[in-house]
Amino acid sequence: MSASASQDPRVIAFARFIKRALDEAVRERAMSIEDVEQRTGIGRSTIYRWRRAEIANPQRTQVQQFCDGLGIPRSVASQILGWDGAPPSPTPDPSTDPDLRAVARILMDPNVSTEEKTVIRATLQHLARRR
């Protein structure tokens, strides 16, 4: 992430969401960034800033256009950005290890598959029993 990237967990989660959406568009649909730009109506510079978490408050209409253009339910981005009425995420405890915070974010991310979350939880349970 760049030096100007947001530290807001929701913006970071949104950046991961954008990265996954772009990766899927390229890998599964053989789209280029120009194709994504044309299909969504969102300029590549904005898309890249979203991906790098450099926009603290993405415009709702642009996010909705992006989702609509790629066939992603708007509710996914709304939930990540807190537009669905969910209370803001609590500020992480600064004494918590950054790696553990990153794992917690993955486990709370609605875009991460249940299978991946199950593997992560099993690994954590295994490690917790090791003492």
Protein backbone atom coordinates (compact mmCIF):
# COMPACT_ATOMS: atom_id res chain seq x y z
CA MET A 1 0.00 0.00 0.00
CA SER A 2 1.22 3.49 -0.73
CA ALA A 3 2.19 6.10 1.85
CA SER A 4 -1.03 8.00 1.15
CA ALA A 5 -3.22 4.92 1.68
CA SER A 6 -5.97 5.14 4.25
CA GLN A 7 -5.67 3.25 7.52
CA ASP A 8 -9.47 3.01 7.84
CA PRO A 9 -10.37 -0.71 7.98
CA ARG A 10 -13.38 -0.18 5.72
CA VAL A 11 -11.33 1.59 3.07
CA ILE A 12 -8.71 -1.16 3.27
CA ALA A 13 -11.43 -3.82 2.92
CA PHE A 14 -12.89 -1.88 -0.02
CA ALA A 15 -9.44 -1.81 -1.65
CA ARG A 16 -9.24 -5.61 -1.32
CA PHE A 17 -12.75 -5.88 -2.77
CA ILE A 18 -11.69 -3.77 -5.79
CA LYS A 19 -8.51 -5.82 -6.25
CA ARG A 20 -10.51 -9.07 -6.21
CA ALA A 21 -13.11 -7.66 -8.62
CA LEU A 22 -10.37 -6.58 -11.04
CA ASP A 23 -8.52 -9.87 -10.72
CA GLU A 24 -11.73 -11.77 -11.44
CA ALA A 25 -12.54 -9.55 -14.42
CA VAL A 26 -9.08 -10.15 -15.89
CA ARG A 27 -8.79 -13.85 -15.06
CA GLU A 28 -12.34 -15.10 -15.60
CA ARG A 29 -13.68 -12.66 -18.16
CA ALA A 30 -10.47 -11.84 -20.03
CA MET A 31 -11.12 -8.12 -19.54
CA SER A 32 -8.48 -5.42 -19.58
CA ILE A 33 -8.57 -2.36 -17.34
CA GLU A 34 -9.81 -0.46 -20.40
CA ASP A 35 -12.71 -2.93 -20.69
CA VAL A 36 -13.53 -2.42 -17.00
CA GLU A 37 -13.34 1.34 -17.46
CA GLN A 38 -15.67 1.23 -20.46
CA ARG A 39 -18.12 -1.20 -18.89
CA THR A 40 -18.36 0.67 -15.57
CA GLY A 41 -17.92 4.27 -16.66
CA ILE A 42 -15.30 4.75 -13.93
CA GLY A 43 -11.91 6.10 -14.93
CA ARG A 44 -8.91 3.87 -14.41
CA SER A 45 -7.20 6.46 -12.19
CA THR A 46 -10.15 6.30 -9.78
CA ILE A 47 -10.16 2.50 -9.91
CA TYR A 48 -6.43 2.39 -9.19
CA ARG A 49 -6.80 4.86 -6.28
CA TRP A 50 -9.58 2.68 -4.86
CA ARG A 51 -7.35 -0.38 -5.21
CA ARG A 52 -4.54 1.41 -3.35
CA ALA A 53 -6.97 2.65 -0.61
CA GLU A 54 -6.16 6.26 -1.48
CA ILE A 55 -9.76 7.50 -1.50
CA ALA A 56 -11.17 7.75 2.03
CA ASN A 57 -14.77 8.28 0.96
CA PRO A 58 -15.58 6.74 -2.41
CA GLN A 59 -18.58 8.33 -4.09
CA ARG A 60 -21.63 6.11 -3.74
CA THR A 61 -22.76 6.63 -7.34
CA GLN A 62 -19.34 5.67 -8.70
CA VAL A 63 -19.17 2.57 -6.50
CA GLN A 64 -22.66 1.57 -7.64
CA GLN A 65 -21.67 2.09 -11.30
CA PHE A 66 -18.60 -0.09 -10.77
CA CYS A 67 -20.68 -2.87 -9.20
CA ASP A 68 -23.41 -2.64 -11.83
CA GLY A 69 -20.88 -2.70 -14.68
CA LEU A 70 -19.23 -5.86 -13.39
CA GLY A 71 -22.40 -7.58 -12.21
CA ILE A 72 -21.50 -7.38 -8.53
CA PRO A 73 -24.38 -6.83 -6.09
CA ARG A 74 -24.29 -3.26 -4.80
CA SER A 75 -24.95 -4.56 -1.31
CA VAL A 76 -21.47 -6.09 -1.15
CA ALA A 77 -19.72 -2.73 -1.51
CA SER A 78 -22.34 -1.02 0.65
CA GLN A 79 -21.69 -3.45 3.47
CA ILE A 80 -17.91 -3.08 3.19
CA LEU A 81 -18.13 0.72 3.23
CA GLY A 82 -20.73 0.83 6.00
CA TRP A 83 -23.48 2.27 3.83
CA ASP A 84 -25.87 -0.48 4.88
CA GLY A 85 -26.50 1.08 8.27
CA ALA A 86 -24.07 -1.16 10.13
CA PRO A 87 -22.28 0.56 12.98
CA PRO A 88 -18.71 1.60 12.24
CA SER A 89 -16.08 -0.98 13.02
CA PRO A 90 -14.44 -0.40 16.38
CA THR A 91 -10.94 0.99 16.32
CA PRO A 92 -8.52 -1.92 16.65
CA ASP A 93 -6.68 -2.29 19.92
CA PRO A 94 -3.24 -0.81 19.20
CA SER A 95 -1.60 -3.48 21.37
CA THR A 96 -2.93 -6.24 19.09
CA ASP A 97 -0.42 -7.68 16.67
CA PRO A 98 -0.96 -6.29 13.13
CA ASP A 99 -0.91 -9.83 11.70
CA LEU A 100 -3.75 -10.85 14.01
CA ARG A 101 -5.72 -7.76 13.00
CA ALA A 102 -5.18 -8.69 9.35
CA VAL A 103 -6.45 -12.23 9.99
CA ALA A 104 -9.49 -10.81 11.82
CA ARG A 105 -10.26 -8.56 8.84
CA ILE A 106 -10.08 -11.54 6.50
CA LEU A 107 -12.42 -13.56 8.71
CA MET A 108 -14.93 -10.68 8.77
CA ASP A 109 -14.70 -9.96 5.04
CA PRO A 110 -17.91 -11.05 3.29
CA ASN A 111 -15.98 -11.56 0.04
CA VAL A 112 -13.78 -14.30 1.49
CA SER A 113 -15.15 -17.79 0.87
CA THR A 114 -16.44 -19.94 3.70
CA GLU A 115 -13.89 -22.59 2.77
CA GLU A 116 -10.99 -20.17 3.12
CA LYS A 117 -12.32 -18.95 6.49
CA THR A 118 -12.66 -22.57 7.67
CA VAL A 119 -9.02 -23.29 6.78
CA ILE A 120 -7.86 -20.14 8.59
CA ARG A 121 -9.88 -21.03 11.71
CA ALA A 122 -8.59 -24.62 11.72
CA THR A 123 -5.02 -23.35 11.43
CA LEU A 124 -5.55 -20.90 14.29
CA GLN A 125 -7.09 -23.62 16.47
CA HIS A 126 -4.13 -25.88 15.74
CA LEU A 127 -1.68 -23.13 16.65
CA ALA A 128 -3.60 -22.26 19.83
CA ARG A 129 -3.27 -25.86 21.07
CA ARG A 130 0.53 -25.93 20.55
CA ARG A 131 1.63 -24.04 23.71
